[in-house]
Protein backbone atom coordinates (compact mmCIF):
# COMPACT_ATOMS: atom_id res chain seq x y z
CA MET A 1 -4.89 -2.36 104.13
CA LYS A 2 -4.34 1.38 103.94
CA SER A 3 -1.75 0.75 101.14
CA ALA A 4 -4.27 -1.17 98.97
CA VAL A 5 -6.86 1.56 99.34
CA ARG A 6 -4.25 4.11 98.30
CA TRP A 7 -3.84 2.32 94.86
CA VAL A 8 -7.50 1.49 94.23
CA LEU A 9 -8.75 5.06 94.39
CA PRO A 10 -6.54 6.37 91.50
CA VAL A 11 -7.50 3.41 89.30
CA LEU A 12 -11.20 4.03 89.86
CA ALA A 13 -10.72 7.70 89.06
CA ALA A 14 -8.97 6.82 85.76
CA MET A 15 -11.75 4.44 84.78
CA LEU A 16 -14.39 7.10 85.42
CA LEU A 17 -12.42 9.58 83.27
CA VAL A 18 -12.19 7.14 80.32
CA ALA A 19 -15.92 6.44 80.53
CA ALA A 20 -16.59 10.15 80.28
CA VAL A 21 -14.26 10.67 77.25
CA LEU A 22 -15.42 7.67 75.12
CA PRO A 23 -18.71 9.27 73.95
CA ALA A 24 -16.76 12.31 72.75
CA LEU A 25 -14.32 10.15 70.79
CA ALA A 26 -17.20 8.26 69.20
CA GLU A 27 -18.64 11.58 68.11
CA THR A 28 -15.48 12.52 66.15
CA VAL A 29 -15.19 9.28 64.07
CA ARG A 30 -18.80 9.08 62.95
CA PRO A 31 -19.34 9.20 59.08
CA LEU A 32 -18.93 12.69 57.63
CA THR A 33 -21.90 14.35 56.03
CA PRO A 34 -21.53 14.14 52.16
CA GLY A 35 -20.74 17.41 50.44
CA GLU A 36 -22.91 19.07 47.78
CA GLY A 37 -20.95 17.45 44.92
CA ALA A 38 -21.03 13.93 46.34
CA GLU A 39 -23.34 12.56 43.63
CA VAL A 40 -20.56 12.56 41.03
CA TYR A 41 -18.59 10.04 43.10
CA ARG A 42 -21.45 7.55 42.93
CA GLN A 43 -21.06 7.25 39.14
CA LYS A 44 -19.17 4.42 37.48
CA VAL A 45 -15.80 5.63 36.16
CA ALA A 46 -15.61 4.76 32.45
CA GLN A 47 -12.38 4.22 30.52
CA MET A 48 -11.10 7.23 28.65
CA SER A 49 -12.47 7.56 25.13
CA THR A 50 -10.45 8.52 22.07
CA VAL A 51 -12.11 11.93 21.97
CA GLU A 52 -11.10 12.51 25.59
CA CYS A 53 -7.50 11.59 24.70
CA GLY A 54 -7.69 14.09 21.87
CA LYS A 55 -8.48 16.94 24.26
CA CYS A 56 -4.87 16.86 25.47
CA HIS A 57 -3.23 15.14 22.49
CA TYR A 58 -4.95 17.24 19.84
CA GLU A 59 -2.08 17.26 17.34
CA ILE A 60 -1.88 13.47 17.38
CA PHE A 61 -5.66 13.19 17.17
CA THR A 62 -5.80 15.37 14.03
CA SER A 63 -2.82 13.57 12.50
CA ILE A 64 -4.61 10.23 12.81
CA ARG A 65 -7.87 11.76 11.61
CA ASP A 66 -6.34 13.27 8.47
CA GLN A 67 -3.51 10.86 7.62
CA GLY A 68 -3.78 7.84 9.88
CA GLY A 69 -5.12 5.41 7.29
CA ARG A 70 -5.58 2.01 8.93
CA HIS A 71 -4.26 3.44 12.17
CA GLN A 72 -7.60 5.20 12.64
CA LEU A 73 -8.28 3.05 15.69
CA GLU A 74 -9.44 3.75 19.22
CA CYS A 75 -6.39 4.97 21.16
CA ARG A 76 -6.72 2.16 23.68
CA GLU A 77 -6.37 -0.44 20.93
CA CYS A 78 -2.64 0.29 20.98
CA HIS A 79 -2.13 2.27 24.19
CA ASN A 80 -3.29 -0.16 26.86
CA LYS A 81 -0.70 1.42 29.17
CA PHE A 82 -0.48 5.17 29.33
CA HIS A 83 0.45 8.05 31.65
CA THR A 84 2.89 5.66 33.29
CA PHE A 85 5.70 7.86 34.51
CA THR A 86 6.80 5.80 37.47
CA PRO A 87 10.57 6.15 37.85
CA GLY A 88 12.39 3.16 36.41
CA VAL A 89 9.67 2.18 33.89
CA ALA A 90 11.32 1.90 30.46
CA TRP A 91 9.88 3.81 27.49
CA ALA A 92 9.31 0.52 25.65
CA ASP A 93 6.99 -0.53 28.48
CA ARG A 94 4.96 2.66 28.16
CA VAL A 95 4.28 2.61 24.42
CA PRO A 96 3.22 -0.28 22.15
CA ALA A 97 5.74 -1.94 19.85
CA CYS A 98 5.00 -1.97 16.12
CA ASN A 99 5.42 -5.74 15.94
CA ASP A 100 2.66 -6.20 18.50
CA CYS A 101 0.38 -5.93 15.46
CA HIS A 102 2.76 -6.04 12.49
CA GLU A 103 4.90 -9.04 13.28
CA GLY A 104 6.88 -10.33 10.30
CA VAL A 105 6.27 -7.29 8.08
CA HIS A 106 9.02 -6.81 5.44
CA GLU A 107 10.28 -10.28 6.38
CA GLY A 108 12.37 -8.85 9.18
CA HIS A 109 14.57 -6.73 6.88
CA PHE A 110 13.75 -3.42 8.58
CA PRO A 111 13.56 -3.81 12.36
CA GLN A 112 13.69 -0.05 13.03
CA CYS A 113 10.21 0.85 11.79
CA LEU A 114 10.43 4.56 12.58
CA SER A 115 13.54 4.97 10.45
CA CYS A 116 11.22 4.85 7.41
CA HIS A 117 7.76 5.43 8.91
CA GLN A 118 8.68 8.58 10.77
CA GLN A 119 5.29 9.07 12.47
CA ALA A 120 3.71 6.01 14.07
CA HIS A 121 0.25 7.62 14.05
CA ALA A 122 0.39 8.25 10.27
CA PRO A 123 2.81 5.56 9.03
CA ILE A 124 2.22 5.82 5.29
CA ALA A 125 1.92 9.59 5.06
CA SER A 126 5.14 10.00 7.05
CA LEU A 127 7.34 7.71 4.95
CA VAL A 128 10.73 9.19 4.18
CA GLU A 129 11.34 10.58 0.70
CA ALA A 130 11.45 8.01 -2.07
CA ASP A 131 15.13 8.52 -2.91
CA LYS A 132 16.06 7.46 0.64
CA LEU A 133 14.18 4.19 0.13
CA ALA A 134 15.58 3.48 -3.33
CA ALA A 135 18.49 1.31 -2.21
CA ASP A 136 16.12 -1.08 -0.45
CA CYS A 137 13.19 -1.24 -2.88
CA GLY A 138 14.16 -4.71 -4.10
CA ARG A 139 13.85 -6.19 -0.62
CA CYS A 140 10.10 -5.69 -0.63
CA HIS A 141 9.45 -5.55 -4.38
CA SER A 142 11.54 -8.53 -5.43
CA PRO A 143 9.29 -9.57 -8.38
CA VAL A 144 9.76 -6.10 -9.90
CA SER A 145 13.51 -6.20 -9.31
CA THR A 146 13.72 -9.65 -10.92
CA ALA A 147 11.71 -8.55 -13.95
CA LEU A 148 13.89 -5.49 -14.51
CA GLN A 149 17.06 -7.58 -14.40
CA ALA A 150 15.68 -10.28 -16.68
CA HIS A 151 14.40 -7.84 -19.33
CA PRO A 152 16.98 -5.16 -20.16
CA SER A 153 15.48 -1.86 -21.27
CA GLY A 154 15.85 1.85 -20.68
CA HIS A 155 13.70 1.41 -17.58
CA ALA A 156 16.07 -1.18 -16.14
CA GLU A 157 18.90 1.35 -16.28
CA MET A 158 17.03 3.82 -14.08
CA GLY A 159 16.75 4.02 -10.32
CA CYS A 160 13.36 3.27 -8.79
CA SER A 161 13.06 6.82 -7.47
CA ASP A 162 13.58 8.27 -10.97
CA CYS A 163 9.99 7.25 -11.72
CA HIS A 164 8.53 6.69 -8.26
CA HIS A 165 9.66 10.04 -6.93
CA ASP A 166 8.07 12.30 -4.32
CA ARG A 167 6.72 9.54 -2.09
CA HIS A 168 6.36 5.79 -1.69
CA GLY A 169 3.66 4.41 -3.95
CA PHE A 170 3.75 7.31 -6.43
CA LYS A 171 3.16 6.21 -10.04
CA PRO A 172 4.04 8.69 -12.79
CA GLY A 173 2.18 9.14 -16.02
CA CYS A 174 3.95 7.61 -19.03
CA ASN A 175 4.09 10.98 -20.79
CA GLU A 176 6.17 12.39 -17.95
CA CYS A 177 9.17 10.85 -19.74
CA HIS A 178 7.57 10.03 -23.10
CA PRO A 179 5.80 13.25 -24.16
CA GLN A 180 5.65 12.13 -27.81
CA PRO A 181 4.97 8.38 -27.91
CA HIS A 182 4.38 6.56 -31.15
CA THR A 183 0.62 7.17 -30.96
CA PRO A 184 -1.34 10.20 -29.77
CA PHE A 185 -1.20 10.00 -25.97
CA LYS A 186 -4.52 9.43 -24.26
CA SER A 187 -3.77 7.82 -20.93
CA SER A 188 -1.15 5.75 -19.16
CA PRO A 189 -3.45 2.71 -18.83
CA GLU A 190 -3.65 2.59 -22.63
CA CYS A 191 0.15 2.52 -22.86
CA LEU A 192 0.30 -0.22 -20.25
CA ASN A 193 -2.09 -2.35 -22.29
CA CYS A 194 0.94 -3.16 -24.45
CA HIS A 195 3.97 -2.03 -22.46
CA PRO A 196 4.31 -3.43 -18.92
CA ALA A 197 5.98 -0.65 -16.94
CA HIS A 198 8.95 -2.70 -15.72
CA THR A 199 9.45 -4.74 -18.90
CA PRO A 200 8.40 -2.23 -21.58
CA LEU A 201 10.02 -4.08 -24.48
CA THR A 202 8.12 -7.27 -23.68
CA ILE A 203 5.16 -6.03 -25.64
CA ALA A 204 1.97 -8.00 -25.21
CA PHE A 205 -1.54 -6.98 -26.17
CA GLY A 206 -5.09 -8.17 -26.51
CA ASP A 207 -7.40 -8.22 -29.50
CA LYS A 208 -8.77 -4.73 -28.82
CA VAL A 209 -5.70 -2.80 -29.97
CA GLU A 210 -6.54 -0.55 -32.92
CA ASN A 211 -4.43 -0.43 -36.08
CA LEU A 212 -3.63 3.20 -35.37
CA VAL A 213 -1.47 2.09 -32.44
CA CYS A 214 0.58 -0.23 -34.65
CA GLN A 215 0.78 2.38 -37.38
CA GLY A 216 2.82 4.64 -35.09
CA CYS A 217 5.88 2.44 -35.67
CA HIS A 218 4.87 0.37 -38.69
CA GLU A 219 3.86 3.07 -41.16
CA ASP A 220 4.64 1.23 -44.42
CA PRO A 221 2.72 -2.01 -43.73
CA ALA A 222 -0.16 0.02 -42.31
CA ALA A 223 -0.33 2.14 -45.47
CA VAL A 224 -0.31 -0.95 -47.71
CA LEU A 225 -3.04 -2.60 -45.63
CA LYS A 226 -5.18 0.53 -45.63
CA SER A 227 -4.96 0.98 -49.41
CA SER A 228 -5.64 -2.68 -50.19
CA LYS A 229 -9.04 -3.87 -51.34
CA LYS A 230 -8.37 -7.47 -50.33
CA ARG A 231 -9.95 -9.18 -47.35
CA HIS A 232 -6.90 -8.71 -45.14
CA ALA A 233 -7.62 -4.96 -45.15
CA ALA A 234 -10.71 -5.58 -43.01
CA LEU A 235 -8.67 -7.20 -40.24
CA LYS A 236 -6.97 -5.65 -37.24
CA CYS A 237 -3.21 -6.02 -37.12
CA VAL A 238 -3.54 -8.00 -33.89
CA PHE A 239 -5.79 -10.56 -35.56
CA CYS A 240 -2.73 -12.02 -37.26
CA HIS A 241 0.06 -10.59 -35.09
CA ALA A 242 -1.60 -11.80 -31.93
CA GLU A 243 -0.71 -11.63 -28.24
CA THR A 244 3.03 -10.91 -28.48
CA HIS A 245 4.74 -8.18 -30.45
CA GLY A 246 6.74 -9.60 -33.36
CA THR A 247 4.53 -12.65 -33.88
CA ILE A 248 4.40 -13.56 -37.60
CA PRO A 249 1.86 -16.28 -38.36
CA SER A 250 2.07 -18.71 -41.23
CA CYS A 251 -0.56 -18.52 -43.94
CA GLN A 252 -1.60 -22.08 -43.06
CA GLN A 253 -2.73 -21.02 -39.58
CA CYS A 254 -5.80 -19.46 -41.14
CA HIS A 255 -5.95 -20.95 -44.63
CA GLY A 256 -4.72 -24.49 -44.11
CA ASN A 257 -3.47 -25.76 -47.46
CA GLY A 258 -5.59 -23.17 -49.29
CA PRO A 259 -7.74 -23.63 -52.33
CA HIS A 260 -4.92 -24.88 -54.52
CA ASN A 261 -4.15 -28.38 -55.65
CA PRO A 262 -1.25 -29.75 -53.56
CA GLU A 263 0.47 -30.89 -56.74
CA LEU A 264 0.37 -27.33 -58.04
CA LEU A 265 1.92 -25.98 -54.88
CA LYS A 266 4.95 -28.22 -55.23
CA GLY A 267 6.23 -25.93 -57.94
CA PHE A 268 6.32 -22.84 -55.69
CA GLY A 269 8.40 -21.82 -52.73
CA GLY A 270 5.41 -20.60 -50.72
CA CYS A 271 2.25 -18.56 -50.76
CA LEU A 272 4.04 -15.21 -50.90
CA GLU A 273 5.80 -16.14 -54.11
CA CYS A 274 2.54 -15.41 -55.87
CA HIS A 275 0.52 -13.37 -53.42
CA GLY A 276 3.33 -11.03 -52.46
CA ASP A 277 3.11 -8.82 -49.37
CA PRO A 278 0.44 -10.30 -47.08
CA HIS A 279 -0.74 -6.78 -46.21
CA GLY A 280 -1.61 -6.04 -49.89
CA LEU A 281 -2.00 -9.50 -51.41
CA THR A 282 -1.06 -8.19 -54.83
CA LEU A 283 -0.61 -11.12 -57.21
CA SER A 284 2.67 -11.22 -59.11
CA GLY A 285 2.33 -9.62 -62.54
CA SER A 286 -0.93 -7.84 -61.69
């Protein structure tokens, strides 16, 4: 009996001690009083805006602003993962791939986009110099390459970067190489009305071309036409020599069989036997 009492007393003492300590423990784990700046933590955390990205990435921000072109997008449009520097995460998993948006561009000929577009944030402005692209122009501009090969000319003997120098997309003025064309130079679009840039000898024109343009190369016929008092003198060269350079119409296209008796015409080799040069229409013997 004495042995049992000896064990009970220490147990009761321990229980009384725990009961005394519990209120103190409860006091230490109660919620802390919020600090003076606690209100900010009750706000909803919004995603970072492009302007906020620009505060740290200012050089990239200004590059996109000034030269980004169609890449003037919200940063998060492309960068849906960022500031991911966990060891073992590959760079390709941190930044977007060009073909995420531009799949199939250039028909798969140039898989290394940044080898030409040196700056992803300003892809057009950062294109390498034109002479470095020259060897591959035909891959993207195949219709132009085909036209040059099919229509030999001085232009076909030149490299693309001889004209399209400085940068991709640059178009020179015609008088850069042709300072004294056959007519007084006014503007490149006027030259291109007749001379397609890549097939310049395939001359085609509309009905608005003035005789002065033709006169630059065809001085003698132009002089005869200008001095004539016949009805042909009132016409533009392109009225008869229509659409394609070198076109020579037959008299019958406008005049049919003419005013003459068909029996009479049998004795002549053609209209010009009597009417002479069509630009002057000077009758034989007059």
